[in-house]
Amino acid sequence: NHGIFLRGASQTADLTTGLSAGDVANVY
């Protein structure tokens, strides 16, 4: 199937900024 599968935690956007909580995946 996929080499790497990534999904952030379910969360509600910050209505003032539109940003998520900043869940981050780095592939280096």
PDB file of all heavy atoms in Angstrom:
ATOM      1  N   ASN A   1       0.856  -1.183   0.000  1.00  0.00           N
ATOM      2  CA  ASN A   1       0.000   0.000   0.000  1.00  0.00           C
ATOM      3  C   ASN A   1       0.895   1.237   0.000  1.00  0.00           C
ATOM      4  O   ASN A   1       1.592   1.486  -0.976  1.00  0.00           O
ATOM      5  CB  ASN A   1      -0.946  -0.024   1.202  1.00  0.00           C
ATOM      6  CG  ASN A   1      -2.132   0.907   1.033  1.00  0.00           C
ATOM      7  OD1 ASN A   1      -2.636   1.093  -0.072  1.00  0.00           O
ATOM      8  ND2 ASN A   1      -2.589   1.489   2.113  1.00  0.00           N
ATOM      9  N   HIS A   2       0.916   2.014   1.074  1.00  0.00           N
ATOM     10  CA  HIS A   2       1.737   3.223   1.137  1.00  0.00           C
ATOM     11  C   HIS A   2       3.132   2.922   1.689  1.00  0.00           C
ATOM     12  O   HIS A   2       3.289   2.048   2.552  1.00  0.00           O
ATOM     13  CB  HIS A   2       1.085   4.267   2.049  1.00  0.00           C
ATOM     14  CG  HIS A   2      -0.307   4.646   1.649  1.00  0.00           C
ATOM     15  ND1 HIS A   2      -0.605   5.268   0.446  1.00  0.00           N
ATOM     16  CD2 HIS A   2      -1.497   4.505   2.288  1.00  0.00           C
ATOM     17  CE1 HIS A   2      -1.907   5.492   0.376  1.00  0.00           C
ATOM     18  NE2 HIS A   2      -2.468   5.036   1.470  1.00  0.00           N
ATOM     19  N   GLY A   3       4.107   3.697   1.236  1.00  0.00           N
ATOM     20  CA  GLY A   3       5.401   3.649   1.894  1.00  0.00           C
ATOM     21  C   GLY A   3       5.289   4.219   3.297  1.00  0.00           C
ATOM     22  O   GLY A   3       5.667   3.582   4.283  1.00  0.00           O
ATOM     23  N   ILE A   4       4.748   5.445   3.396  1.00  0.00           N
ATOM     24  CA  ILE A   4       4.511   6.110   4.679  1.00  0.00           C
ATOM     25  C   ILE A   4       3.104   6.694   4.656  1.00  0.00           C
ATOM     26  O   ILE A   4       2.744   7.416   3.723  1.00  0.00           O
ATOM     27  CB  ILE A   4       5.526   7.239   4.928  1.00  0.00           C
ATOM     28  CG1 ILE A   4       6.958   6.695   4.977  1.00  0.00           C
ATOM     29  CG2 ILE A   4       5.211   7.983   6.224  1.00  0.00           C
ATOM     30  CD1 ILE A   4       8.020   7.784   5.042  1.00  0.00           C
ATOM     31  N   PHE A   5       2.319   6.392   5.689  1.00  0.00           N
ATOM     32  CA  PHE A   5       0.992   6.995   5.845  1.00  0.00           C
ATOM     33  C   PHE A   5       0.997   7.819   7.124  1.00  0.00           C
ATOM     34  O   PHE A   5       1.407   7.344   8.186  1.00  0.00           O
ATOM     35  CB  PHE A   5      -0.107   5.936   5.918  1.00  0.00           C
ATOM     36  CG  PHE A   5      -1.481   6.517   6.154  1.00  0.00           C
ATOM     37  CD1 PHE A   5      -2.245   6.959   5.093  1.00  0.00           C
ATOM     38  CD2 PHE A   5      -1.977   6.667   7.444  1.00  0.00           C
ATOM     39  CE1 PHE A   5      -3.507   7.518   5.302  1.00  0.00           C
ATOM     40  CE2 PHE A   5      -3.227   7.219   7.669  1.00  0.00           C
ATOM     41  CZ  PHE A   5      -3.990   7.652   6.587  1.00  0.00           C
ATOM     42  N   LEU A   6       0.493   9.073   7.030  1.00  0.00           N
ATOM     43  CA  LEU A   6       0.515   9.996   8.163  1.00  0.00           C
ATOM     44  C   LEU A   6      -0.841  10.682   8.266  1.00  0.00           C
ATOM     45  O   LEU A   6      -1.362  11.201   7.271  1.00  0.00           O
ATOM     46  CB  LEU A   6       1.591  11.070   7.966  1.00  0.00           C
ATOM     47  CG  LEU A   6       3.017  10.578   7.705  1.00  0.00           C
ATOM     48  CD1 LEU A   6       3.843  11.671   7.045  1.00  0.00           C
ATOM     49  CD2 LEU A   6       3.654  10.133   9.003  1.00  0.00           C
ATOM     50  N   ARG A   7      -1.408  10.699   9.465  1.00  0.00           N
ATOM     51  CA  ARG A   7      -2.643  11.460   9.686  1.00  0.00           C
ATOM     52  C   ARG A   7      -2.568  12.132  11.046  1.00  0.00           C
ATOM     53  O   ARG A   7      -2.280  11.487  12.051  1.00  0.00           O
ATOM     54  CB  ARG A   7      -3.872  10.554   9.616  1.00  0.00           C
ATOM     55  CG  ARG A   7      -5.191  11.309   9.871  1.00  0.00           C
ATOM     56  CD  ARG A   7      -6.399  10.393   9.844  1.00  0.00           C
ATOM     57  NE  ARG A   7      -6.702   9.972   8.487  1.00  0.00           N
ATOM     58  CZ  ARG A   7      -7.078   8.736   8.152  1.00  0.00           C
ATOM     59  NH1 ARG A   7      -7.157   7.803   9.080  1.00  0.00           N
ATOM     60  NH2 ARG A   7      -7.356   8.439   6.902  1.00  0.00           N
ATOM     61  N   GLY A   8      -2.813  13.444  11.058  1.00  0.00           N
ATOM     62  CA  GLY A   8      -2.806  14.170  12.310  1.00  0.00           C
ATOM     63  C   GLY A   8      -4.012  13.834  13.167  1.00  0.00           C
ATOM     64  O   GLY A   8      -5.008  13.271  12.691  1.00  0.00           O
ATOM     65  N   ALA A   9      -3.916  14.165  14.444  1.00  0.00           N
ATOM     66  CA  ALA A   9      -5.009  13.905  15.367  1.00  0.00           C
ATOM     67  C   ALA A   9      -6.231  14.732  14.974  1.00  0.00           C
ATOM     68  O   ALA A   9      -6.118  15.849  14.480  1.00  0.00           O
ATOM     69  CB  ALA A   9      -4.583  14.246  16.797  1.00  0.00           C
ATOM     70  N   SER A  10      -7.416  14.189  15.203  1.00  0.00           N
ATOM     71  CA  SER A  10      -8.644  14.930  14.921  1.00  0.00           C
ATOM     72  C   SER A  10      -8.723  16.130  15.854  1.00  0.00           C
ATOM     73  O   SER A  10      -8.565  15.998  17.064  1.00  0.00           O
ATOM     74  CB  SER A  10      -9.862  14.027  15.132  1.00  0.00           C
ATOM     75  OG  SER A  10      -9.834  12.947  14.233  1.00  0.00           O
ATOM     76  N   GLN A  11      -8.956  17.304  15.286  1.00  0.00           N
ATOM     77  CA  GLN A  11      -8.971  18.502  16.105  1.00  0.00           C
ATOM     78  C   GLN A  11      -9.783  19.576  15.399  1.00  0.00           C
ATOM     79  O   GLN A  11      -9.946  19.565  14.180  1.00  0.00           O
ATOM     80  CB  GLN A  11      -7.550  19.001  16.351  1.00  0.00           C
ATOM     81  CG  GLN A  11      -6.759  19.226  15.070  1.00  0.00           C
ATOM     82  CD  GLN A  11      -5.292  19.384  15.352  1.00  0.00           C
ATOM     83  OE1 GLN A  11      -4.933  20.128  16.224  1.00  0.00           O
ATOM     84  NE2 GLN A  11      -4.452  18.683  14.607  1.00  0.00           N
ATOM     85  N   THR A  12     -10.278  20.507  16.173  1.00  0.00           N
ATOM     86  CA  THR A  12     -11.038  21.626  15.639  1.00  0.00           C
ATOM     87  C   THR A  12     -10.094  22.787  15.394  1.00  0.00           C
ATOM     88  O   THR A  12      -9.242  23.099  16.215  1.00  0.00           O
ATOM     89  CB  THR A  12     -12.142  22.054  16.617  1.00  0.00           C
ATOM     90  OG1 THR A  12     -12.982  20.928  16.866  1.00  0.00           O
ATOM     91  CG2 THR A  12     -12.969  23.178  16.034  1.00  0.00           C
ATOM     92  N   ALA A  13     -10.249  23.430  14.256  1.00  0.00           N
ATOM     93  CA  ALA A  13      -9.382  24.558  13.938  1.00  0.00           C
ATOM     94  C   ALA A  13      -9.616  25.711  14.902  1.00  0.00           C
ATOM     95  O   ALA A  13     -10.721  25.901  15.420  1.00  0.00           O
ATOM     96  CB  ALA A  13      -9.648  25.022  12.510  1.00  0.00           C
ATOM     97  N   ASP A  14      -8.570  26.474  15.137  1.00  0.00           N
ATOM     98  CA  ASP A  14      -8.672  27.717  15.903  1.00  0.00           C
ATOM     99  C   ASP A  14      -9.398  28.735  15.023  1.00  0.00           C
ATOM    100  O   ASP A  14      -8.912  29.115  13.956  1.00  0.00           O
ATOM    101  CB  ASP A  14      -7.271  28.209  16.265  1.00  0.00           C
ATOM    102  CG  ASP A  14      -7.298  29.455  17.142  1.00  0.00           C
ATOM    103  OD1 ASP A  14      -8.191  30.292  16.961  1.00  0.00           O
ATOM    104  OD2 ASP A  14      -6.406  29.587  17.989  1.00  0.00           O
ATOM    105  N   LEU A  15     -10.560  29.165  15.446  1.00  0.00           N
ATOM    106  CA  LEU A  15     -11.386  30.022  14.588  1.00  0.00           C
ATOM    107  C   LEU A  15     -10.763  31.392  14.356  1.00  0.00           C
ATOM    108  O   LEU A  15     -11.123  32.089  13.408  1.00  0.00           O
ATOM    109  CB  LEU A  15     -12.781  30.178  15.207  1.00  0.00           C
ATOM    110  CG  LEU A  15     -13.589  28.885  15.331  1.00  0.00           C
ATOM    111  CD1 LEU A  15     -14.954  29.174  15.947  1.00  0.00           C
ATOM    112  CD2 LEU A  15     -13.754  28.214  13.974  1.00  0.00           C
ATOM    113  N   THR A  16      -9.832  31.805  15.227  1.00  0.00           N
ATOM    114  CA  THR A  16      -9.212  33.127  15.041  1.00  0.00           C
ATOM    115  C   THR A  16      -8.061  33.083  14.053  1.00  0.00           C
ATOM    116  O   THR A  16      -7.788  34.062  13.355  1.00  0.00           O
ATOM    117  CB  THR A  16      -8.708  33.677  16.386  1.00  0.00           C
ATOM    118  OG1 THR A  16      -7.744  32.772  16.936  1.00  0.00           O
ATOM    119  CG2 THR A  16      -9.855  33.836  17.355  1.00  0.00           C
ATOM    120  N   THR A  17      -7.388  31.947  13.970  1.00  0.00           N
ATOM    121  CA  THR A  17      -6.221  31.859  13.084  1.00  0.00           C
ATOM    122  C   THR A  17      -6.410  30.869  11.952  1.00  0.00           C
ATOM    123  O   THR A  17      -5.697  30.921  10.956  1.00  0.00           O
ATOM    124  CB  THR A  17      -4.969  31.446  13.877  1.00  0.00           C
ATOM    125  OG1 THR A  17      -5.166  30.114  14.386  1.00  0.00           O
ATOM    126  CG2 THR A  17      -4.714  32.390  15.031  1.00  0.00           C
ATOM    127  N   GLY A  18      -7.365  29.938  12.101  1.00  0.00           N
ATOM    128  CA  GLY A  18      -7.544  28.908  11.097  1.00  0.00           C
ATOM    129  C   GLY A  18      -6.496  27.821  11.166  1.00  0.00           C
ATOM    130  O   GLY A  18      -6.473  26.914  10.342  1.00  0.00           O
ATOM    131  N   LEU A  19      -5.596  27.891  12.157  1.00  0.00           N
ATOM    132  CA  LEU A  19      -4.502  26.940  12.222  1.00  0.00           C
ATOM    133  C   LEU A  19      -4.835  25.770  13.132  1.00  0.00           C
ATOM    134  O   LEU A  19      -5.557  25.901  14.114  1.00  0.00           O
ATOM    135  CB  LEU A  19      -3.226  27.628  12.726  1.00  0.00           C
ATOM    136  CG  LEU A  19      -2.685  28.757  11.855  1.00  0.00           C
ATOM    137  CD1 LEU A  19      -1.478  29.405  12.516  1.00  0.00           C
ATOM    138  CD2 LEU A  19      -2.319  28.235  10.477  1.00  0.00           C
ATOM    139  N   SER A  20      -4.265  24.618  12.808  1.00  0.00           N
ATOM    140  CA  SER A  20      -4.410  23.459  13.667  1.00  0.00           C
ATOM    141  C   SER A  20      -3.434  23.584  14.826  1.00  0.00           C
ATOM    142  O   SER A  20      -2.727  24.569  14.977  1.00  0.00           O
ATOM    143  CB  SER A  20      -4.120  22.180  12.873  1.00  0.00           C
ATOM    144  OG  SER A  20      -2.753  22.143  12.515  1.00  0.00           O
ATOM    145  N   ALA A  21      -3.387  22.554  15.660  1.00  0.00           N
ATOM    146  CA  ALA A  21      -2.532  22.584  16.846  1.00  0.00           C
ATOM    147  C   ALA A  21      -1.061  22.390  16.512  1.00  0.00           C
ATOM    148  O   ALA A  21      -0.227  22.369  17.399  1.00  0.00           O
ATOM    149  CB  ALA A  21      -2.983  21.530  17.851  1.00  0.00           C
ATOM    150  N   GLY A  22      -0.737  22.230  15.254  1.00  0.00           N
ATOM    151  CA  GLY A  22       0.665  22.147  14.855  1.00  0.00           C
ATOM    152  C   GLY A  22       1.238  20.751  14.883  1.00  0.00           C
ATOM    153  O   GLY A  22       2.419  20.580  15.159  1.00  0.00           O
ATOM    154  N   ASP A  23       0.416  19.726  14.617  1.00  0.00           N
ATOM    155  CA  ASP A  23       0.949  18.377  14.490  1.00  0.00           C
ATOM    156  C   ASP A  23       1.862  18.334  13.271  1.00  0.00           C
ATOM    157  O   ASP A  23       1.490  18.777  12.180  1.00  0.00           O
ATOM    158  CB  ASP A  23      -0.192  17.367  14.332  1.00  0.00           C
ATOM    159  CG  ASP A  23      -1.153  17.404  15.513  1.00  0.00           C
ATOM    160  OD1 ASP A  23      -0.733  17.842  16.589  1.00  0.00           O
ATOM    161  OD2 ASP A  23      -2.320  17.003  15.341  1.00  0.00           O
ATOM    162  N   VAL A  24       3.065  17.796  13.452  1.00  0.00           N
ATOM    163  CA  VAL A  24       4.111  17.922  12.432  1.00  0.00           C
ATOM    164  C   VAL A  24       4.703  16.561  12.125  1.00  0.00           C
ATOM    165  O   VAL A  24       5.007  15.779  13.039  1.00  0.00           O
ATOM    166  CB  VAL A  24       5.240  18.868  12.916  1.00  0.00           C
ATOM    167  CG1 VAL A  24       6.359  18.920  11.894  1.00  0.00           C
ATOM    168  CG2 VAL A  24       4.686  20.256  13.180  1.00  0.00           C
ATOM    169  N   ALA A  25       4.891  16.275  10.842  1.00  0.00           N
ATOM    170  CA  ALA A  25       5.635  15.099  10.403  1.00  0.00           C
ATOM    171  C   ALA A  25       6.800  15.568   9.543  1.00  0.00           C
ATOM    172  O   ALA A  25       6.604  16.305   8.576  1.00  0.00           O
ATOM    173  CB  ALA A  25       4.743  14.149   9.618  1.00  0.00           C
ATOM    174  N   ASN A  26       8.000  15.151   9.907  1.00  0.00           N
ATOM    175  CA  ASN A  26       9.206  15.456   9.140  1.00  0.00           C
ATOM    176  C   ASN A  26       9.705  14.178   8.480  1.00  0.00           C
ATOM    177  O   ASN A  26       9.856  13.149   9.149  1.00  0.00           O
ATOM    178  CB  ASN A  26      10.306  16.006  10.055  1.00  0.00           C
ATOM    179  CG  ASN A  26       9.884  17.276  10.762  1.00  0.00           C
ATOM    180  OD1 ASN A  26       9.312  18.160  10.144  1.00  0.00           O
ATOM    181  ND2 ASN A  26      10.156  17.368  12.049  1.00  0.00           N
ATOM    182  N   VAL A  27       9.964  14.234   7.185  1.00  0.00           N
ATOM    183  CA  VAL A  27      10.519  13.096   6.449  1.00  0.00           C
ATOM    184  C   VAL A  27      11.826  13.571   5.834  1.00  0.00           C
ATOM    185  O   VAL A  27      11.821  14.344   4.868  1.00  0.00           O
ATOM    186  CB  VAL A  27       9.543  12.589   5.369  1.00  0.00           C
ATOM    187  CG1 VAL A  27      10.151  11.421   4.602  1.00  0.00           C
ATOM    188  CG2 VAL A  27       8.212  12.174   5.999  1.00  0.00           C
ATOM    189  N   TYR A  28      12.934  13.119   6.401  1.00  0.00           N
ATOM    190  CA  TYR A  28      14.251  13.625   6.019  1.00  0.00           C
ATOM    191  C   TYR A  28      15.152  12.484   5.543  1.00  0.00           C
ATOM    192  O   TYR A  28      15.344  11.492   6.253  1.00  0.00           O
ATOM    193  CB  TYR A  28      14.938  14.299   7.214  1.00  0.00           C
ATOM    194  CG  TYR A  28      14.243  15.515   7.779  1.00  0.00           C
ATOM    195  CD1 TYR A  28      14.400  15.852   9.117  1.00  0.00           C
ATOM    196  CD2 TYR A  28      13.440  16.333   6.984  1.00  0.00           C
ATOM    197  CE1 TYR A  28      13.787  16.980   9.652  1.00  0.00           C
ATOM    198  CE2 TYR A  28      12.820  17.455   7.509  1.00  0.00           C
ATOM    199  CZ  TYR A  28      12.996  17.772   8.856  1.00  0.00           C
ATOM    200  OH  TYR A  28      12.379  18.885   9.389  1.00  0.00           O
TER     201      TYR A  28
END
